[in-house]
Amino acid sequence: MEEHDWIKRLEQLHFSAVHVCNYTSNPGAVQRRIWKRFAICRVIAGKGSLSMDNVVHTVSQDEWFLLKPGMHVEFQTEMEAPVRYQIILFSCVALTRSRKVWHTEAFDFPVTGKLNILSNTRDIQEMMDTLLGEKHAYTSLEKMRRKHLLHQLLIQLMIHVKEETPPVAGMDRALEYMTHQYMKDIRVDQMARMAGLSVNHFIRTFKRQLNMTPIEYILKQRMAKAKQLLFSSDTIKEIAEQVGYRDEHYFSRVFKKNEGVAPTLYMKNKVSRVATLYYGLDDYVITLGMTPVSALSYGQRVARHVAVPTLQAHSHQGLILDSFNQNYDGLRRVQPDLIITSDRLEPNESLHHIAPTAMLEHTNHFGERLLYMADIMGRTERAEQWIDQHADLSLVLRGRIQSRWGKQSAMFIRVSSHFYRMYGLNNQTGALLYDDLGFHLPRYFPEKKWAVETKVGNFQLYDADHIFVMVDPTEEARAQLRHLQQSSEWLALRAVQEGCVYNAGDIFFKTLGPTGRMWAMRYVAEQLGVTVR
């Protein structure tokens, strides 16, 4: 983004809350948290280290930092020189105008983390001092003045950062290299030269600031990555090479010494506290006979959530994460051994600082996914048991549905505030209706499309014998449904005329997990008048 563009963006900022304070850290203390608001921090005195999203910086007098929400922060201060700093906490959004309507959107600063600001930049220091001098703002005018000063401070900080961008040097340069190049053959004397220090001085400084030696720091990075890779199909040899060991046997000895168990047994013997971070993944863990320490709730995304007893008994024992406002601080408190997430969720680097994190590729092939996870975690027997039960239930329900209704078509429709979406073969509802229960797609539905968004006037193109309808839990979506139900195109559909339109409930989300999928199979069958004892 060009300079005039981001300055213009900065001018669009709107502040909803501003808090200022002075703070003195406890000598030698280590603080870890996931940042919830923006913050400007200026160091007044002392020394320490600050890790932001796995990028480690030294901390010393007259240095500036800009932190953003969601950033994983770990701060450690030296015992002999505890850090004193000034901090401004604030919340803000960008205000934009389109077609005479104002909109708000999240704001990304052009630079975050450690700011390369000259210590003699007097105007910036004076702005900060003025803000700190007006710590208590009670009247509307005082609050407005504080927000205005903060706005000007941010603009000046970004301008000076843009003007002054010296290369990373000293300990910061060495730390950055070790953090991102841990898989390489790193020598301490090489890092000392990079930091501009003698080897002994570098080791002493490093240990004082990070409470570990450089070799221990590199080992920590390698072991964290190795534990993440162990939840994959990679061989031990491949994992060893990826984290910097040419000899897989030496890697195994190092891993066992550090973790207390061989890498081949780590997932089976050491991982008992599994956190899940996408819909249905908790179901997989429960199906394999474990209780997840966290699960992502879809309760706010459906009009009505129906509990599956088998899953409900386990979910009450763990942290329930809000899908709209995920509480990663809460996730840290439950101390997971492993976090499992999906490639359908936007990657978040802060998760890797809580526990080794495995991102699974989304699939509708439940049996394959279950066997994959079971093989890694030593629970193959349970996976095979589910596969057999699923196959038996599918065979019974297919037969009974066809005996009652014959070979018929079905369609799953989702109604939101913005669209009518019909789902095809290549998604979880397709796996349920067409693979498990034996329905077929409406005649003109494009088989290779995972979904089609349509208008009311086009519904007759996809006329089905049975229609399952899911409505988003908003008034706008309910209005869209009423509009559809009153249309002549809807009333002309075969399923509508024959009373074969059903409430899909929350099966859209339940079918993302194996146990929920079998529950959904029974639910759909019951809607069709078919029961299973």
Protein backbone atom coordinates (compact mmCIF):
# COMPACT_ATOMS: atom_id res chain seq x y z
CA MET A 1 0.00 0.00 0.00
CA GLU A 2 1.36 3.45 -0.96
CA GLU A 3 2.11 5.96 1.80
CA HIS A 4 -0.79 8.28 0.97
CA ASP A 5 -3.16 5.28 0.96
CA TRP A 6 -2.35 4.11 4.46
CA ILE A 7 -2.33 7.66 5.83
CA LYS A 8 -5.82 8.06 4.39
CA ARG A 9 -6.80 4.78 6.05
CA LEU A 10 -5.42 6.03 9.38
CA GLU A 11 -7.57 9.14 9.07
CA GLN A 12 -10.67 6.89 8.89
CA LEU A 13 -10.08 5.44 12.36
CA HIS A 14 -12.85 5.60 14.95
CA PHE A 15 -11.98 4.88 18.61
CA SER A 16 -14.52 3.31 20.96
CA ALA A 17 -12.37 2.99 24.09
CA VAL A 18 -9.02 4.36 25.30
CA HIS A 19 -7.23 3.52 28.57
CA VAL A 20 -3.76 4.71 29.67
CA CYS A 21 -1.51 3.61 32.52
CA ASN A 22 2.04 3.25 33.82
CA TYR A 23 3.22 -0.21 34.75
CA THR A 24 6.21 -1.81 36.49
CA SER A 25 6.79 -5.52 35.93
CA ASN A 26 7.82 -7.92 38.68
CA PRO A 27 11.55 -8.82 38.57
CA GLY A 28 12.12 -12.03 36.59
CA ALA A 29 8.39 -12.51 35.96
CA VAL A 30 7.10 -14.22 32.81
CA GLN A 31 3.71 -13.12 31.47
CA ARG A 32 1.84 -14.96 28.69
CA ARG A 33 -1.42 -13.88 27.11
CA ILE A 34 -3.29 -13.50 23.87
CA TRP A 35 -3.82 -9.80 23.31
CA LYS A 36 -7.44 -8.64 23.16
CA ARG A 37 -7.07 -4.98 22.18
CA PHE A 38 -4.65 -2.71 20.38
CA ALA A 39 -1.89 -1.28 22.55
CA ILE A 40 0.93 1.25 22.20
CA CYS A 41 3.76 0.53 24.63
CA ARG A 42 6.78 2.72 25.38
CA VAL A 43 9.57 1.35 27.60
CA ILE A 44 10.74 3.80 30.27
CA ALA A 45 13.42 1.70 31.95
CA GLY A 46 14.67 -1.85 32.48
CA LYS A 47 15.47 -4.80 30.20
CA GLY A 48 13.79 -8.00 29.12
CA SER A 49 12.47 -9.92 26.12
CA LEU A 50 9.13 -9.79 24.33
CA SER A 51 7.84 -12.54 22.01
CA MET A 52 5.03 -11.55 19.64
CA ASP A 53 3.61 -14.34 17.46
CA ASN A 54 6.86 -16.28 17.81
CA VAL A 55 9.04 -13.28 16.90
CA VAL A 56 11.32 -12.54 19.85
CA HIS A 57 12.68 -9.04 20.56
CA THR A 58 14.87 -7.60 23.25
CA VAL A 59 13.29 -4.86 25.36
CA SER A 60 15.16 -1.80 26.61
CA GLN A 61 14.69 1.87 27.41
CA ASP A 62 13.01 4.19 24.85
CA GLU A 63 11.74 1.38 22.65
CA TRP A 64 8.19 1.36 21.22
CA PHE A 65 5.82 -1.52 20.47
CA LEU A 66 2.43 -1.72 18.77
CA LEU A 67 0.37 -4.78 19.70
CA LYS A 68 -2.79 -5.95 17.93
CA PRO A 69 -5.75 -8.14 18.97
CA GLY A 70 -5.14 -11.87 18.63
CA MET A 71 -1.36 -11.47 18.96
CA HIS A 72 0.27 -14.07 21.20
CA VAL A 73 2.52 -12.22 23.64
CA GLU A 74 5.11 -13.60 26.06
CA PHE A 75 7.00 -11.04 28.14
CA GLN A 76 9.92 -11.66 30.47
CA THR A 77 11.79 -9.04 32.46
CA GLU A 78 15.30 -9.32 33.85
CA MET A 79 15.70 -9.93 37.58
CA GLU A 80 18.20 -7.10 38.03
CA ALA A 81 16.39 -4.57 35.81
CA PRO A 82 12.57 -4.93 35.90
CA VAL A 83 10.87 -3.15 33.03
CA ARG A 84 8.83 0.01 33.56
CA TYR A 85 6.62 1.06 30.67
CA GLN A 86 3.76 3.29 29.59
CA ILE A 87 0.85 1.66 27.79
CA ILE A 88 -2.23 2.87 25.93
CA LEU A 89 -4.97 0.28 25.37
CA PHE A 90 -7.56 1.07 22.72
CA SER A 91 -10.24 -0.38 20.46
CA CYS A 92 -10.82 1.00 16.98
CA VAL A 93 -12.43 0.33 13.60
CA ALA A 94 -12.17 1.95 10.18
CA LEU A 95 -15.18 4.00 9.06
CA THR A 96 -15.87 3.90 5.32
CA ARG A 97 -18.70 5.34 3.27
CA SER A 98 -20.27 3.63 0.28
CA ARG A 99 -23.43 4.77 -1.54
CA LYS A 100 -24.17 7.30 1.21
CA VAL A 101 -24.07 4.56 3.89
CA TRP A 102 -21.37 4.35 6.58
CA HIS A 103 -19.73 0.98 7.24
CA THR A 104 -17.28 -0.27 9.87
CA GLU A 105 -14.49 -2.74 9.20
CA ALA A 106 -11.51 -4.17 11.06
CA PHE A 107 -8.32 -2.14 10.79
CA ASP A 108 -4.80 -3.43 10.11
CA PHE A 109 -1.93 -1.08 10.84
CA PRO A 110 0.83 -1.02 8.19
CA VAL A 111 3.37 -1.96 10.89
CA THR A 112 2.98 -3.81 14.21
CA GLY A 113 5.39 -5.33 16.70
CA LYS A 114 8.60 -3.53 17.57
CA LEU A 115 8.66 -0.05 16.02
CA ASN A 116 11.93 1.42 14.78
CA ILE A 117 11.47 4.89 16.26
CA LEU A 118 14.39 7.26 16.93
CA SER A 119 14.73 7.91 20.66
CA ASN A 120 15.05 11.67 20.08
CA THR A 121 11.71 12.03 18.29
CA ARG A 122 10.50 14.70 20.71
CA ASP A 123 7.02 15.32 19.26
CA ILE A 124 6.02 11.68 19.65
CA GLN A 125 7.34 11.53 23.22
CA GLU A 126 5.46 14.71 24.09
CA MET A 127 2.20 13.29 22.71
CA MET A 128 2.66 10.16 24.81
CA ASP A 129 3.45 12.18 27.93
CA THR A 130 0.38 14.36 27.35
CA LEU A 131 -1.84 11.29 27.07
CA LEU A 132 -0.36 9.80 30.25
CA GLY A 133 -0.78 13.15 32.01
CA GLU A 134 -4.50 13.04 31.21
CA LYS A 135 -4.98 9.57 32.68
CA HIS A 136 -8.46 10.27 33.98
CA ALA A 137 -10.96 11.50 31.39
CA TYR A 138 -14.44 11.93 32.83
CA THR A 139 -16.30 14.39 30.61
CA SER A 140 -17.25 13.80 26.99
CA LEU A 141 -14.93 16.64 25.95
CA GLU A 142 -11.99 15.08 27.83
CA LYS A 143 -12.63 11.69 26.27
CA MET A 144 -12.87 13.27 22.83
CA ARG A 145 -9.57 15.11 23.35
CA ARG A 146 -7.88 11.85 24.45
CA LYS A 147 -9.07 10.03 21.32
CA HIS A 148 -7.89 12.92 19.15
CA LEU A 149 -4.41 12.85 20.76
CA LEU A 150 -4.21 9.07 20.32
CA HIS A 151 -5.20 9.43 16.68
CA GLN A 152 -2.43 11.98 16.07
CA LEU A 153 0.09 9.81 17.96
CA LEU A 154 -0.69 6.79 15.80
CA ILE A 155 -0.33 8.78 12.58
CA GLN A 156 3.03 10.18 13.74
CA LEU A 157 4.26 6.73 14.81
CA MET A 158 3.40 5.22 11.45
CA ILE A 159 5.02 8.12 9.57
CA HIS A 160 8.25 7.86 11.57
CA VAL A 161 8.32 4.08 11.22
CA LYS A 162 7.93 4.54 7.47
CA GLU A 163 10.77 7.04 7.41
CA GLU A 164 13.11 5.14 9.72
CA THR A 165 13.43 1.43 8.84
CA PRO A 166 16.97 0.41 9.83
CA PRO A 167 17.87 -3.27 9.44
CA VAL A 168 17.29 -5.55 12.40
CA ALA A 169 20.52 -5.75 14.37
CA GLY A 170 22.05 -7.11 17.54
CA MET A 171 20.24 -9.67 19.69
CA ASP A 172 16.99 -9.15 17.79
CA ARG A 173 18.63 -10.24 14.56
CA ALA A 174 20.06 -13.39 16.15
CA LEU A 175 16.74 -14.21 17.82
CA GLU A 176 14.81 -13.76 14.60
CA TYR A 177 17.21 -16.05 12.75
CA MET A 178 17.06 -18.78 15.41
CA THR A 179 13.26 -18.61 15.57
CA HIS A 180 12.72 -19.11 11.85
CA GLN A 181 15.82 -21.07 10.81
CA TYR A 182 15.95 -23.58 13.69
CA MET A 183 16.02 -26.48 11.20
CA LYS A 184 19.43 -25.39 9.93
CA ASP A 185 22.84 -26.17 11.39
CA ILE A 186 23.16 -23.16 13.70
CA ARG A 187 26.39 -22.48 15.60
CA VAL A 188 26.53 -20.30 18.71
CA ASP A 189 29.60 -18.42 17.46
CA GLN A 190 27.68 -17.58 14.26
CA MET A 191 24.79 -16.16 16.32
CA ALA A 192 27.22 -14.24 18.55
CA ARG A 193 28.75 -12.55 15.49
CA MET A 194 25.26 -11.75 14.21
CA ALA A 195 24.49 -10.07 17.55
CA GLY A 196 27.83 -8.24 17.55
CA LEU A 197 28.96 -9.87 20.83
CA SER A 198 31.61 -12.29 22.00
CA VAL A 199 30.43 -15.88 22.43
CA ASN A 200 30.50 -15.74 26.24
CA HIS A 201 28.77 -12.35 26.35
CA PHE A 202 26.13 -13.57 23.87
CA ILE A 203 25.38 -16.71 25.93
CA ARG A 204 25.16 -14.75 29.20
CA THR A 205 22.92 -12.08 27.65
CA PHE A 206 20.71 -14.65 25.96
CA LYS A 207 20.22 -16.66 29.15
CA ARG A 208 19.54 -13.53 31.20
CA GLN A 209 16.88 -12.31 28.77
CA LEU A 210 15.18 -15.60 27.84
CA ASN A 211 15.99 -17.77 30.85
CA MET A 212 17.53 -20.46 28.62
CA THR A 213 20.70 -20.98 26.61
CA PRO A 214 20.77 -20.52 22.80
CA ILE A 215 21.04 -24.31 22.33
CA GLU A 216 18.02 -24.87 24.60
CA TYR A 217 16.06 -22.27 22.61
CA ILE A 218 16.79 -24.00 19.29
CA LEU A 219 15.86 -27.37 20.83
CA LYS A 220 12.57 -25.89 22.05
CA GLN A 221 11.70 -24.70 18.54
CA ARG A 222 12.59 -28.07 17.01
CA MET A 223 10.62 -30.13 19.52
CA ALA A 224 7.51 -27.94 19.15
CA LYS A 225 7.55 -28.41 15.37
CA ALA A 226 8.26 -32.14 15.70
CA LYS A 227 5.23 -32.65 17.96
CA GLN A 228 3.06 -30.87 15.42
CA LEU A 229 4.38 -33.04 12.57
CA LEU A 230 3.81 -36.26 14.52
CA PHE A 231 0.08 -35.75 13.87
CA SER A 232 0.66 -36.31 10.17
CA SER A 233 1.43 -39.14 7.78
CA ASP A 234 5.13 -38.16 7.64
CA THR A 235 7.66 -40.82 8.64
CA ILE A 236 10.02 -40.28 11.59
CA LYS A 237 12.86 -39.85 9.10
CA GLU A 238 10.95 -37.12 7.24
CA ILE A 239 10.04 -35.35 10.49
CA ALA A 240 13.65 -35.50 11.70
CA GLU A 241 14.86 -33.87 8.48
CA GLN A 242 12.22 -31.14 8.66
CA VAL A 243 13.31 -30.07 12.15
CA GLY A 244 17.06 -30.18 11.51
CA TYR A 245 18.28 -33.73 12.18
CA ARG A 246 19.92 -35.77 9.44
CA ASP A 247 19.94 -38.95 11.55
CA GLU A 248 16.45 -40.14 12.52
CA HIS A 249 17.89 -42.32 15.33
CA TYR A 250 19.68 -39.35 16.89
CA PHE A 251 16.45 -37.34 16.56
CA SER A 252 14.55 -40.11 18.36
CA ARG A 253 17.07 -40.12 21.22
CA VAL A 254 16.90 -36.34 21.57
CA PHE A 255 13.09 -36.39 21.45
CA LYS A 256 12.84 -39.12 24.08
CA LYS A 257 15.28 -37.32 26.38
CA ASN A 258 13.29 -34.10 26.05
CA GLU A 259 9.72 -35.50 26.12
CA GLY A 260 10.16 -38.73 28.10
CA VAL A 261 8.84 -40.96 25.32
CA ALA A 262 9.94 -42.01 21.83
CA PRO A 263 8.42 -40.00 18.95
CA THR A 264 6.65 -43.13 17.64
CA LEU A 265 4.77 -43.40 20.95
CA TYR A 266 4.23 -39.70 21.67
CA MET A 267 0.71 -39.40 20.22
CA LYS A 268 -0.39 -42.72 21.71
CA ASN A 269 1.07 -42.34 25.20
CA LYS A 270 1.54 -38.63 25.92
CA VAL A 271 -1.37 -36.90 24.17
CA SER A 272 -4.48 -37.17 26.31
CA ARG A 273 -5.69 -33.57 26.38
CA VAL A 274 -6.87 -32.82 22.84
CA ALA A 275 -8.43 -29.46 21.98
CA THR A 276 -10.59 -29.27 18.85
CA LEU A 277 -11.16 -26.04 16.95
CA TYR A 278 -13.65 -26.76 14.22
CA TYR A 279 -17.17 -28.15 13.99
CA GLY A 280 -17.28 -31.94 14.17
CA LEU A 281 -13.66 -32.48 15.18
CA ASP A 282 -14.71 -32.94 18.81
CA ASP A 283 -17.08 -35.65 17.53
CA TYR A 284 -14.12 -37.51 15.96
CA VAL A 285 -12.19 -37.40 19.24
CA ILE A 286 -15.21 -38.61 21.24
CA THR A 287 -15.90 -41.39 18.73
CA LEU A 288 -12.32 -42.58 19.33
CA GLY A 289 -13.05 -42.85 23.05
CA MET A 290 -11.46 -39.63 24.31
CA THR A 291 -12.89 -36.48 25.87
CA PRO A 292 -11.75 -33.25 24.14
CA VAL A 293 -10.76 -30.39 26.42
CA SER A 294 -12.41 -27.91 24.04
CA ALA A 295 -14.97 -27.85 21.24
CA LEU A 296 -16.23 -25.16 18.85
CA SER A 297 -19.94 -24.52 19.34
CA TYR A 298 -22.29 -23.95 16.41
CA GLY A 299 -25.22 -23.10 18.69
CA GLN A 300 -25.37 -19.49 17.48
CA ARG A 301 -25.48 -20.59 13.84
CA VAL A 302 -28.67 -22.64 14.03
CA ALA A 303 -32.23 -21.86 15.04
CA ARG A 304 -32.37 -24.86 17.36
CA HIS A 305 -29.62 -27.13 18.62
CA VAL A 306 -30.58 -30.71 19.49
CA ALA A 307 -28.12 -32.51 21.75
CA VAL A 308 -26.78 -35.94 20.88
CA PRO A 309 -26.57 -37.73 24.27
CA THR A 310 -23.25 -39.46 23.47
CA LEU A 311 -21.62 -36.17 22.53
CA GLN A 312 -23.33 -34.03 25.16
CA ALA A 313 -21.94 -36.11 28.03
CA HIS A 314 -18.39 -35.29 26.88
CA SER A 315 -18.88 -31.67 25.80
CA HIS A 316 -19.95 -30.62 29.29
CA GLN A 317 -16.51 -31.60 30.56
CA GLY A 318 -14.53 -29.23 28.34
CA LEU A 319 -14.26 -25.61 27.24
CA ILE A 320 -16.95 -24.55 24.75
CA LEU A 321 -15.57 -21.98 22.33
CA ASP A 322 -17.81 -19.35 20.77
CA SER A 323 -17.63 -19.54 16.97
CA PHE A 324 -18.02 -15.74 16.72
CA ASN A 325 -15.59 -14.80 19.49
CA GLN A 326 -13.07 -17.54 20.13
CA ASN A 327 -11.52 -17.35 23.59
CA TYR A 328 -7.92 -18.42 23.08
CA ASP A 329 -7.03 -17.28 26.60
CA GLY A 330 -9.49 -19.90 27.83
CA LEU A 331 -7.89 -22.44 25.52
CA ARG A 332 -4.51 -21.77 27.12
CA ARG A 333 -5.97 -22.34 30.59
CA VAL A 334 -7.16 -25.87 29.75
CA GLN A 335 -3.53 -26.76 28.83
CA PRO A 336 -4.04 -29.02 25.80
CA ASP A 337 -1.34 -31.44 24.62
CA LEU A 338 -2.54 -31.04 21.04
CA ILE A 339 -4.83 -28.70 19.11
CA ILE A 340 -6.65 -30.07 16.06
CA THR A 341 -8.13 -27.58 13.62
CA SER A 342 -9.36 -27.54 10.03
CA ASP A 343 -8.21 -25.89 6.82
CA ARG A 344 -11.70 -24.35 6.70
CA LEU A 345 -10.75 -22.14 9.64
CA GLU A 346 -8.51 -19.16 9.01
CA PRO A 347 -4.99 -20.02 10.28
CA ASN A 348 -4.02 -18.41 13.58
CA GLU A 349 -0.33 -18.45 14.49
CA SER A 350 -1.10 -17.86 18.18
CA LEU A 351 -2.40 -21.44 18.48
CA HIS A 352 1.11 -22.85 18.01
CA HIS A 353 2.18 -21.02 21.16
CA ILE A 354 -0.47 -22.79 23.21
CA ALA A 355 0.18 -26.36 22.02
CA PRO A 356 1.35 -28.25 18.90
CA THR A 357 -1.35 -27.58 16.30
CA ALA A 358 -2.39 -29.92 13.50
CA MET A 359 -4.48 -28.57 10.64
CA LEU A 360 -6.55 -31.27 8.94
CA GLU A 361 -7.74 -31.03 5.37
CA HIS A 362 -11.54 -31.08 5.21
CA THR A 363 -13.05 -34.29 3.86
CA ASN A 364 -16.43 -35.97 3.57
CA HIS A 365 -14.81 -39.42 3.72
CA PHE A 366 -15.43 -40.00 7.41
CA GLY A 367 -14.11 -43.55 7.58
CA GLU A 368 -10.75 -42.59 6.08
CA ARG A 369 -10.39 -39.58 8.39
CA LEU A 370 -11.33 -41.63 11.45
CA LEU A 371 -8.84 -44.39 10.59
CA TYR A 372 -6.13 -41.79 9.95
CA MET A 373 -6.63 -40.21 13.38
CA ALA A 374 -7.05 -43.57 15.09
CA ASP A 375 -3.81 -44.95 13.64
CA ILE A 376 -1.83 -41.96 14.96
CA MET A 377 -3.49 -42.06 18.39
CA GLY A 378 -3.52 -45.85 18.81
CA ARG A 379 -7.30 -46.30 18.65
CA THR A 380 -7.80 -48.24 15.44
CA GLU A 381 -10.23 -50.71 17.01
CA ARG A 382 -12.71 -47.96 17.88
CA ALA A 383 -12.52 -46.51 14.37
CA GLU A 384 -13.18 -49.89 12.80
CA GLN A 385 -16.11 -50.40 15.16
CA TRP A 386 -17.71 -47.11 14.01
CA ILE A 387 -17.14 -47.96 10.34
CA ASP A 388 -18.91 -51.32 10.78
CA GLN A 389 -21.83 -49.72 12.67
CA HIS A 390 -22.16 -46.98 10.07
CA ALA A 391 -22.17 -49.46 7.17
CA ASP A 392 -24.84 -51.60 8.89
CA LEU A 393 -27.08 -48.60 9.63
CA SER A 394 -26.71 -47.27 6.07
CA LEU A 395 -27.68 -50.65 4.61
CA VAL A 396 -30.78 -50.93 6.80
CA LEU A 397 -31.98 -47.36 6.20
CA ARG A 398 -31.38 -47.46 2.45
CA GLY A 399 -33.47 -50.59 2.21
CA ARG A 400 -36.33 -49.30 4.34
CA ILE A 401 -36.45 -45.89 2.65
CA GLN A 402 -36.50 -47.46 -0.81
CA SER A 403 -39.12 -50.01 0.31
CA ARG A 404 -41.42 -47.20 1.49
CA TRP A 405 -40.69 -44.51 -1.12
CA GLY A 406 -38.93 -46.16 -4.04
CA LYS A 407 -35.89 -44.55 -5.72
CA GLN A 408 -36.35 -40.84 -5.15
CA SER A 409 -34.51 -37.52 -5.28
CA ALA A 410 -33.77 -35.21 -2.37
CA MET A 411 -32.41 -31.69 -1.92
CA PHE A 412 -30.90 -29.84 1.05
CA ILE A 413 -31.60 -26.08 1.00
CA ARG A 414 -30.12 -23.43 3.26
CA VAL A 415 -31.93 -20.10 3.60
CA SER A 416 -29.84 -17.16 4.80
CA SER A 417 -30.40 -13.42 4.83
CA HIS A 418 -28.55 -13.15 1.50
CA PHE A 419 -29.12 -16.36 -0.47
CA TYR A 420 -30.97 -19.59 -1.15
CA ARG A 421 -28.28 -22.27 -1.41
CA MET A 422 -28.84 -25.85 -2.57
CA TYR A 423 -26.17 -28.41 -1.69
CA GLY A 424 -24.92 -31.12 -4.03
CA LEU A 425 -22.84 -34.28 -3.72
CA ASN A 426 -19.51 -32.91 -2.53
CA ASN A 427 -20.29 -31.77 1.00
CA GLN A 428 -21.45 -33.23 4.31
CA THR A 429 -25.19 -33.12 3.50
CA GLY A 430 -24.49 -34.75 0.15
CA ALA A 431 -22.63 -37.57 1.90
CA LEU A 432 -25.64 -38.01 4.21
CA LEU A 433 -28.47 -37.93 1.67
CA TYR A 434 -26.85 -39.55 -1.36
CA ASP A 435 -24.13 -41.84 0.04
CA ASP A 436 -25.66 -42.95 3.33
CA LEU A 437 -29.39 -42.94 2.53
CA GLY A 438 -29.44 -43.65 -1.21
CA PHE A 439 -31.27 -40.62 -2.59
CA HIS A 440 -30.22 -39.11 -5.90
CA LEU A 441 -29.80 -35.49 -7.00
CA PRO A 442 -32.61 -33.64 -8.83
CA ARG A 443 -32.35 -34.16 -12.57
CA TYR A 444 -30.73 -30.89 -13.63
CA PHE A 445 -28.49 -30.25 -10.64
CA PRO A 446 -24.83 -30.01 -11.80
CA GLU A 447 -23.12 -33.03 -10.23
CA LYS A 448 -19.67 -31.44 -9.97
CA LYS A 449 -20.97 -28.41 -8.05
CA TRP A 450 -20.76 -28.67 -4.27
CA ALA A 451 -23.55 -26.09 -4.01
CA VAL A 452 -25.65 -23.74 -6.16
CA GLU A 453 -27.08 -20.39 -5.12
CA THR A 454 -30.33 -19.60 -6.86
CA LYS A 455 -33.25 -17.20 -7.03
CA VAL A 456 -36.85 -18.00 -6.24
CA GLY A 457 -37.71 -18.13 -9.92
CA ASN A 458 -35.22 -20.95 -10.60
CA PHE A 459 -36.37 -23.45 -7.97
CA GLN A 460 -38.41 -25.46 -10.45
CA LEU A 461 -35.20 -26.34 -12.32
CA TYR A 462 -34.23 -28.50 -9.35
CA ASP A 463 -37.57 -30.07 -8.47
CA ALA A 464 -36.99 -32.88 -5.93
CA ASP A 465 -39.20 -35.53 -4.33
CA HIS A 466 -38.03 -34.52 -0.84
CA ILE A 467 -36.70 -31.16 0.39
CA PHE A 468 -34.85 -30.53 3.67
CA VAL A 469 -34.74 -26.86 4.68
CA MET A 470 -32.33 -25.17 7.07
CA VAL A 471 -32.94 -21.52 8.04
CA ASP A 472 -30.25 -19.30 9.55
CA PRO A 473 -31.20 -17.91 13.00
CA THR A 474 -31.82 -14.31 11.89
CA GLU A 475 -34.97 -12.32 11.26
CA GLU A 476 -33.73 -11.53 7.73
CA ALA A 477 -33.38 -15.25 6.95
CA ARG A 478 -36.86 -15.98 8.30
CA ALA A 479 -38.23 -13.19 6.09
CA GLN A 480 -36.47 -14.79 3.12
CA LEU A 481 -38.14 -18.11 3.96
CA ARG A 482 -41.57 -16.48 4.16
CA HIS A 483 -40.97 -14.84 0.79
CA LEU A 484 -40.02 -18.21 -0.69
CA GLN A 485 -42.98 -20.06 0.82
CA GLN A 486 -45.43 -17.51 -0.59
CA SER A 487 -44.05 -17.67 -4.11
CA SER A 488 -45.84 -19.50 -6.92
CA GLU A 489 -42.58 -21.19 -7.90
CA TRP A 490 -42.26 -22.80 -4.44
CA LEU A 491 -45.91 -23.81 -4.28
CA ALA A 492 -45.56 -25.55 -7.67
CA LEU A 493 -42.76 -27.86 -6.45
CA ARG A 494 -43.63 -31.56 -6.23
CA ALA A 495 -42.29 -31.93 -2.67
CA VAL A 496 -44.36 -28.95 -1.48
CA GLN A 497 -47.56 -30.23 -3.03
CA GLU A 498 -47.08 -33.73 -1.59
CA GLY A 499 -46.10 -32.59 1.91
CA CYS A 500 -42.49 -33.77 1.62
CA VAL A 501 -40.73 -30.66 2.92
CA TYR A 502 -38.92 -31.19 6.22
CA ASN A 503 -37.17 -29.12 8.88
CA ALA A 504 -33.45 -29.94 8.57
CA GLY A 505 -32.76 -28.76 12.12
CA ASP A 506 -29.03 -28.66 12.78
CA ILE A 507 -27.98 -31.69 10.71
CA PHE A 508 -25.88 -29.38 8.52
CA PHE A 509 -23.39 -29.17 11.41
CA LYS A 510 -24.05 -32.54 13.03
CA THR A 511 -23.02 -34.36 9.85
CA LEU A 512 -19.50 -32.93 10.17
CA GLY A 513 -18.68 -35.59 12.78
CA PRO A 514 -19.05 -39.39 12.71
CA THR A 515 -21.37 -39.88 15.70
CA GLY A 516 -23.44 -36.85 14.68
CA ARG A 517 -23.68 -38.24 11.16
CA MET A 518 -25.24 -41.50 12.38
CA TRP A 519 -27.67 -39.45 14.50
CA ALA A 520 -28.56 -37.41 11.39
CA MET A 521 -29.18 -40.59 9.38
CA ARG A 522 -31.80 -41.66 11.92
CA TYR A 523 -33.27 -38.15 12.07
CA VAL A 524 -33.79 -37.96 8.30
CA ALA A 525 -35.27 -41.47 8.25
CA GLU A 526 -37.75 -40.56 10.98
CA GLN A 527 -38.84 -37.47 9.01
CA LEU A 528 -39.68 -39.88 6.18
CA GLY A 529 -41.64 -42.19 8.45
CA VAL A 530 -38.89 -44.82 8.65
CA THR A 531 -37.72 -45.94 12.11
CA VAL A 532 -34.83 -48.02 13.37
CA ARG A 533 -35.00 -49.86 16.67
